Amino acid sequence: MNELSTSLARAFDRIDDFQAVQQSRAGDELIEAVNLLQESVGIEDEPRALIATRLEGIAGSSRAPGHVLLGVIVGLMAAELADHAI
């Protein structure tokens, strides 16, 4: 497995862990957990607004913005994990 594949696999493992820990959460608790997950990869107010604005220009993204955001989070995690592997 190459470095990118390894980093992506580890990022998805972290998402699996997040889901396992948060599975009983609902409403405000889940929103808070997702916000903290975003912050863990550097997505706070300004990047969040940039993502929302840019999604408007991507066809189909309005139907599943959470899925797009998840992709961004996984990508950022993988990049961070790859940086730490060096």
N, C-alpha and C. Protein backbone atom coordinates (compact mmCIF):
# COMPACT_ATOMS: atom_id res chain seq x y z
N MET A 1 0.85 -1.17 0.00
CA MET A 1 0.00 0.00 0.00
C MET A 1 0.90 1.24 0.00
N ASN A 2 0.60 2.19 -0.89
CA ASN A 2 1.44 3.39 -0.94
C ASN A 2 1.06 4.37 0.16
N GLU A 3 1.82 5.43 0.29
CA GLU A 3 1.65 6.39 1.38
C GLU A 3 0.26 7.03 1.38
N LEU A 4 -0.23 7.41 0.19
CA LEU A 4 -1.54 8.03 0.11
C LEU A 4 -2.63 7.05 0.55
N SER A 5 -2.56 5.82 0.08
CA SER A 5 -3.54 4.81 0.46
C SER A 5 -3.52 4.55 1.96
N THR A 6 -2.33 4.50 2.52
CA THR A 6 -2.20 4.29 3.97
C THR A 6 -2.81 5.44 4.75
N SER A 7 -2.52 6.67 4.33
CA SER A 7 -3.06 7.84 5.01
C SER A 7 -4.58 7.91 4.89
N LEU A 8 -5.10 7.60 3.71
CA LEU A 8 -6.56 7.60 3.53
C LEU A 8 -7.21 6.52 4.39
N ALA A 9 -6.62 5.34 4.44
CA ALA A 9 -7.17 4.26 5.26
C ALA A 9 -7.20 4.67 6.73
N ARG A 10 -6.13 5.30 7.19
CA ARG A 10 -6.08 5.76 8.59
C ARG A 10 -7.11 6.85 8.84
N ALA A 11 -7.31 7.76 7.88
CA ALA A 11 -8.32 8.81 8.03
C ALA A 11 -9.72 8.20 8.11
N PHE A 12 -10.01 7.23 7.25
CA PHE A 12 -11.32 6.57 7.32
C PHE A 12 -11.47 5.80 8.63
N ASP A 13 -10.39 5.23 9.13
CA ASP A 13 -10.45 4.56 10.44
C ASP A 13 -10.83 5.55 11.54
N ARG A 14 -10.31 6.76 11.45
CA ARG A 14 -10.66 7.79 12.43
C ARG A 14 -12.13 8.18 12.33
N ILE A 15 -12.65 8.25 11.12
CA ILE A 15 -14.07 8.54 10.94
C ILE A 15 -14.90 7.40 11.51
N ASP A 16 -14.47 6.16 11.29
CA ASP A 16 -15.17 5.01 11.89
C ASP A 16 -15.19 5.12 13.41
N ASP A 17 -14.05 5.50 13.99
CA ASP A 17 -13.97 5.67 15.44
C ASP A 17 -14.92 6.78 15.91
N PHE A 18 -14.94 7.88 15.18
CA PHE A 18 -15.83 8.99 15.51
C PHE A 18 -17.28 8.52 15.51
N GLN A 19 -17.66 7.79 14.47
CA GLN A 19 -19.04 7.31 14.38
C GLN A 19 -19.38 6.35 15.52
N ALA A 20 -18.44 5.50 15.87
CA ALA A 20 -18.68 4.55 16.96
C ALA A 20 -18.92 5.27 18.28
N VAL A 21 -18.13 6.29 18.54
CA VAL A 21 -18.25 7.04 19.79
C VAL A 21 -19.52 7.89 19.80
N GLN A 22 -19.91 8.41 18.66
CA GLN A 22 -21.04 9.35 18.59
C GLN A 22 -22.37 8.69 18.25
N GLN A 23 -22.42 7.38 18.08
CA GLN A 23 -23.63 6.73 17.60
C GLN A 23 -24.87 6.96 18.46
N SER A 24 -24.70 7.19 19.74
CA SER A 24 -25.87 7.41 20.60
C SER A 24 -26.23 8.88 20.74
N ARG A 25 -25.48 9.75 20.12
CA ARG A 25 -25.73 11.19 20.21
C ARG A 25 -26.82 11.61 19.23
N ALA A 26 -27.51 12.66 19.56
CA ALA A 26 -28.52 13.21 18.66
C ALA A 26 -28.62 14.71 18.89
N GLY A 27 -29.23 15.39 17.94
CA GLY A 27 -29.50 16.82 18.08
C GLY A 27 -28.27 17.66 18.34
N ASP A 28 -28.36 18.51 19.36
CA ASP A 28 -27.29 19.46 19.66
C ASP A 28 -25.97 18.79 20.01
N GLU A 29 -26.04 17.64 20.69
CA GLU A 29 -24.80 16.93 21.04
C GLU A 29 -24.06 16.47 19.79
N LEU A 30 -24.81 15.97 18.80
CA LEU A 30 -24.18 15.50 17.57
C LEU A 30 -23.64 16.68 16.76
N ILE A 31 -24.37 17.76 16.72
CA ILE A 31 -23.89 18.97 16.02
C ILE A 31 -22.59 19.45 16.65
N GLU A 32 -22.55 19.48 17.98
CA GLU A 32 -21.32 19.90 18.67
C GLU A 32 -20.16 18.96 18.33
N ALA A 33 -20.42 17.67 18.31
CA ALA A 33 -19.38 16.69 17.98
C ALA A 33 -18.86 16.89 16.56
N VAL A 34 -19.75 17.12 15.62
CA VAL A 34 -19.35 17.34 14.23
C VAL A 34 -18.54 18.63 14.12
N ASN A 35 -18.96 19.67 14.83
CA ASN A 35 -18.18 20.92 14.83
C ASN A 35 -16.78 20.70 15.38
N LEU A 36 -16.67 19.92 16.44
CA LEU A 36 -15.34 19.62 17.00
C LEU A 36 -14.51 18.79 16.04
N LEU A 37 -15.15 17.86 15.32
CA LEU A 37 -14.44 17.09 14.30
C LEU A 37 -13.89 18.02 13.23
N GLN A 38 -14.70 18.96 12.79
CA GLN A 38 -14.25 19.93 11.80
C GLN A 38 -13.07 20.74 12.34
N GLU A 39 -13.19 21.22 13.56
CA GLU A 39 -12.11 22.01 14.16
C GLU A 39 -10.82 21.20 14.28
N SER A 40 -10.94 19.90 14.47
CA SER A 40 -9.74 19.06 14.62
C SER A 40 -8.87 19.05 13.37
N VAL A 41 -9.48 19.38 12.22
CA VAL A 41 -8.70 19.45 10.98
C VAL A 41 -8.57 20.88 10.47
N GLY A 42 -8.89 21.86 11.34
CA GLY A 42 -8.69 23.26 10.99
C GLY A 42 -9.87 23.96 10.35
N ILE A 43 -11.03 23.29 10.29
CA ILE A 43 -12.21 23.92 9.71
C ILE A 43 -12.98 24.63 10.82
N GLU A 44 -12.80 25.95 10.85
CA GLU A 44 -13.55 26.77 11.79
C GLU A 44 -14.38 27.75 10.98
N ASP A 45 -14.72 28.89 11.51
CA ASP A 45 -15.68 29.80 10.87
C ASP A 45 -15.30 30.20 9.44
N GLU A 46 -14.10 30.73 9.25
CA GLU A 46 -13.72 31.22 7.92
C GLU A 46 -13.65 30.09 6.89
N PRO A 47 -12.94 28.99 7.17
CA PRO A 47 -12.94 27.89 6.20
C PRO A 47 -14.34 27.30 5.97
N ARG A 48 -15.15 27.23 7.02
CA ARG A 48 -16.52 26.70 6.88
C ARG A 48 -17.33 27.57 5.92
N ALA A 49 -17.19 28.88 6.03
CA ALA A 49 -17.89 29.81 5.13
C ALA A 49 -17.37 29.66 3.70
N LEU A 50 -16.07 29.49 3.55
CA LEU A 50 -15.49 29.30 2.22
C LEU A 50 -16.02 28.03 1.58
N ILE A 51 -16.08 26.95 2.35
CA ILE A 51 -16.62 25.69 1.83
C ILE A 51 -18.06 25.87 1.39
N ALA A 52 -18.88 26.51 2.22
CA ALA A 52 -20.29 26.73 1.89
C ALA A 52 -20.43 27.54 0.60
N THR A 53 -19.62 28.57 0.46
CA THR A 53 -19.68 29.41 -0.74
C THR A 53 -19.26 28.63 -1.98
N ARG A 54 -18.19 27.88 -1.86
CA ARG A 54 -17.68 27.13 -3.01
C ARG A 54 -18.59 25.97 -3.41
N LEU A 55 -19.29 25.40 -2.43
CA LEU A 55 -20.21 24.31 -2.74
C LEU A 55 -21.33 24.76 -3.66
N GLU A 56 -21.71 26.03 -3.53
CA GLU A 56 -22.77 26.56 -4.39
C GLU A 56 -22.42 26.42 -5.86
N GLY A 57 -21.14 26.41 -6.20
CA GLY A 57 -20.71 26.32 -7.59
C GLY A 57 -20.46 24.91 -8.07
N ILE A 58 -20.67 23.92 -7.22
CA ILE A 58 -20.44 22.52 -7.61
C ILE A 58 -21.79 21.85 -7.81
N ALA A 59 -22.06 21.47 -9.04
CA ALA A 59 -23.35 20.86 -9.37
C ALA A 59 -23.61 19.62 -8.50
N GLY A 60 -24.80 19.57 -7.93
CA GLY A 60 -25.21 18.42 -7.14
C GLY A 60 -24.81 18.46 -5.68
N SER A 61 -23.91 19.34 -5.31
CA SER A 61 -23.42 19.34 -3.93
C SER A 61 -24.50 19.78 -2.94
N SER A 62 -25.47 20.55 -3.40
CA SER A 62 -26.51 21.02 -2.49
C SER A 62 -27.40 19.87 -2.02
N ARG A 63 -27.40 18.76 -2.75
CA ARG A 63 -28.20 17.60 -2.34
C ARG A 63 -27.53 16.81 -1.23
N ALA A 64 -26.22 16.97 -1.07
CA ALA A 64 -25.50 16.20 -0.05
C ALA A 64 -24.31 16.97 0.50
N PRO A 65 -24.53 18.16 1.06
CA PRO A 65 -23.40 18.95 1.54
C PRO A 65 -22.62 18.26 2.65
N GLY A 66 -23.30 17.46 3.45
CA GLY A 66 -22.60 16.72 4.51
C GLY A 66 -21.61 15.72 3.96
N HIS A 67 -21.97 15.09 2.85
CA HIS A 67 -21.07 14.13 2.22
C HIS A 67 -19.84 14.83 1.65
N VAL A 68 -20.07 15.99 1.06
CA VAL A 68 -18.93 16.76 0.54
C VAL A 68 -18.03 17.18 1.69
N LEU A 69 -18.62 17.68 2.77
CA LEU A 69 -17.84 18.09 3.93
C LEU A 69 -17.06 16.91 4.50
N LEU A 70 -17.69 15.75 4.55
CA LEU A 70 -16.99 14.55 5.02
C LEU A 70 -15.77 14.26 4.15
N GLY A 71 -15.93 14.41 2.85
CA GLY A 71 -14.80 14.21 1.94
C GLY A 71 -13.66 15.18 2.22
N VAL A 72 -14.01 16.43 2.48
CA VAL A 72 -13.00 17.45 2.82
C VAL A 72 -12.29 17.06 4.11
N ILE A 73 -13.06 16.63 5.12
CA ILE A 73 -12.48 16.25 6.41
C ILE A 73 -11.54 15.06 6.23
N VAL A 74 -11.98 14.03 5.50
CA VAL A 74 -11.13 12.85 5.28
C VAL A 74 -9.86 13.26 4.54
N GLY A 75 -9.99 14.12 3.54
CA GLY A 75 -8.81 14.57 2.80
C GLY A 75 -7.83 15.33 3.67
N LEU A 76 -8.35 16.22 4.51
CA LEU A 76 -7.48 16.98 5.40
C LEU A 76 -6.81 16.07 6.43
N MET A 77 -7.57 15.10 6.95
CA MET A 77 -6.97 14.14 7.90
C MET A 77 -5.86 13.34 7.23
N ALA A 78 -6.13 12.86 6.02
CA ALA A 78 -5.13 12.07 5.29
C ALA A 78 -3.87 12.88 5.04
N ALA A 79 -4.05 14.15 4.66
CA ALA A 79 -2.89 15.02 4.43
C ALA A 79 -2.09 15.22 5.71
N GLU A 80 -2.81 15.42 6.80
CA GLU A 80 -2.14 15.60 8.11
C GLU A 80 -1.39 14.33 8.50
N LEU A 81 -2.03 13.19 8.31
CA LEU A 81 -1.39 11.92 8.66
C LEU A 81 -0.17 11.66 7.78
N ALA A 82 -0.25 12.03 6.51
CA ALA A 82 0.89 11.85 5.60
C ALA A 82 2.05 12.74 6.04
N ASP A 83 1.74 13.96 6.46
CA ASP A 83 2.80 14.88 6.94
C ASP A 83 3.51 14.33 8.16
N HIS A 84 2.76 13.68 9.04
CA HIS A 84 3.36 13.13 10.26
C HIS A 84 4.12 11.85 10.00
N ALA A 85 3.88 11.21 8.85
CA ALA A 85 4.57 9.97 8.53
C ALA A 85 5.97 10.23 8.00
N ILE A 86 6.23 11.47 7.58
CA ILE A 86 7.54 11.80 6.99
C ILE A 86 8.60 11.90 8.06
